[in-house]
């Protein structure tokens, strides 16, 4: 009888340890997956923000093409992105804006 009880006890301890390891594995996996989900959500938010900005730019370009104001658009791009100015025009920069 004593040997049977000892064998049951060893089996019970092994089974309990195995279940504990399995539960720990699932907890660690769950935490890891939640972290990955949060990272992907942040990345999705950034991509959606870029998509919204591109949609706005596209609608602005469509409006310009529809109104026939291509010259106005070209002038704005030349001024804002290329740093050009009209002949005789002076461009001032506010250096205190960055403070």
Protein backbone atom coordinates (compact mmCIF):
# COMPACT_ATOMS: atom_id res chain seq x y z
CA UNK A 1 0.00 0.00 0.00
CA UNK A 2 2.80 2.44 0.82
CA UNK A 3 4.40 1.99 -2.61
CA UNK A 4 1.12 2.71 -4.38
CA UNK A 5 0.63 5.90 -2.36
CA UNK A 6 4.18 7.05 -3.12
CA UNK A 7 3.67 6.35 -6.83
CA UNK A 8 0.39 8.33 -6.84
CA UNK A 9 2.09 11.20 -5.03
CA UNK A 10 4.96 11.30 -7.58
CA UNK A 11 2.46 11.21 -10.46
CA UNK A 12 0.43 13.98 -8.82
CA UNK A 13 3.52 16.16 -8.33
CA UNK A 14 4.66 15.60 -11.93
CA UNK A 15 1.17 16.35 -13.24
CA UNK A 16 0.90 19.51 -11.12
CA UNK A 17 4.34 20.71 -12.26
CA UNK A 18 3.45 20.02 -15.89
CA UNK A 19 0.18 21.94 -15.59
CA UNK A 20 2.00 24.82 -13.89
CA UNK A 21 4.55 24.99 -16.73
CA UNK A 22 1.73 24.88 -19.28
CA UNK A 23 -0.17 27.69 -17.54
CA UNK A 24 3.01 29.81 -17.36
CA UNK A 25 3.60 29.24 -21.07
CA UNK A 26 0.07 30.36 -21.91
CA UNK A 27 0.37 33.47 -19.71
CA UNK A 28 3.67 34.49 -21.30
CA UNK A 29 2.27 33.84 -24.79
CA UNK A 30 -0.84 35.91 -24.00
CA UNK A 31 1.23 38.85 -22.74
CA UNK A 32 3.50 38.65 -25.79
CA UNK A 33 0.52 38.61 -28.16
CA UNK A 34 -1.09 41.58 -26.40
CA UNK A 35 2.14 43.53 -26.82
CA UNK A 36 2.27 42.69 -30.53
CA UNK A 37 -1.39 43.68 -30.94
CA UNK A 38 -0.73 47.05 -29.30
CA UNK A 39 2.28 47.64 -31.57
CA UNK A 40 0.21 46.79 -34.64
CA UNK A 41 -2.59 49.13 -33.50
CA UNK A 42 -0.10 52.00 -33.16
CA UNK A 43 1.30 51.22 -36.61
CA UNK A 44 -2.23 51.11 -38.04
CA UNK A 45 -2.99 54.51 -36.51
CA UNK A 46 0.11 55.99 -38.16
CA UNK A 47 -0.80 54.46 -41.53
CA UNK A 48 -4.39 55.74 -41.24
CA UNK A 49 -3.07 59.20 -40.44
CA UNK A 50 -0.85 59.14 -43.53
CA UNK A 51 -3.78 57.88 -45.60
CA UNK A 52 -5.98 60.75 -44.38
CA UNK A 53 -3.26 63.27 -45.22
CA UNK A 54 -2.89 61.77 -48.70
CA UNK A 55 -6.67 61.83 -49.21
CA UNK A 56 -6.72 65.51 -48.28
CA UNK A 57 -3.88 66.26 -50.68
CA UNK A 58 -5.63 64.31 -53.44
CA UNK A 59 -8.90 66.18 -52.91
CA UNK A 60 -7.00 69.48 -52.96
CA UNK A 61 -5.35 68.54 -56.26
CA UNK A 62 -8.70 67.45 -57.72
CA UNK A 63 -10.22 70.78 -56.67
CA UNK A 64 -7.38 72.70 -58.30
CA UNK A 65 -7.72 70.72 -61.52
CA UNK A 66 -11.49 71.16 -61.53
CA UNK A 67 -11.26 74.94 -60.94
CA UNK A 68 -8.55 75.37 -63.55
CA UNK A 69 -6.12 77.05 -61.13
CA UNK A 70 -3.03 75.13 -62.13
CA UNK A 71 -0.95 78.31 -62.26
CA UNK A 72 -1.87 79.11 -58.64
CA UNK A 73 -0.88 75.58 -57.61
CA UNK A 74 2.42 75.77 -59.47
CA UNK A 75 3.23 79.11 -57.82
CA UNK A 76 2.41 77.74 -54.37
CA UNK A 77 4.63 74.68 -54.86
CA UNK A 78 7.45 76.86 -56.22
CA UNK A 79 7.23 79.13 -53.16
CA UNK A 80 6.60 76.60 -50.38
CA UNK A 81 8.62 73.58 -51.46
CA UNK A 82 11.28 74.95 -53.80
CA UNK A 83 11.90 78.31 -52.12
CA UNK A 84 11.37 80.39 -55.28
CA UNK A 85 10.06 83.95 -55.34
CA UNK A 86 8.58 86.20 -58.01
CA UNK A 87 10.94 88.76 -59.59
CA UNK A 88 11.23 91.78 -57.30
CA UNK A 89 9.54 89.96 -54.42
CA UNK A 90 11.19 89.83 -50.99
CA UNK A 91 10.75 86.80 -48.79
CA UNK A 92 11.01 87.17 -45.03
CA UNK A 93 11.49 84.31 -42.59
CA UNK A 94 10.36 84.47 -38.98
CA UNK A 95 13.26 82.95 -37.04
CA UNK A 96 11.53 83.36 -33.66
CA UNK A 97 8.72 80.94 -34.62
CA UNK A 98 10.82 77.93 -33.62
CA UNK A 99 11.17 79.04 -29.99
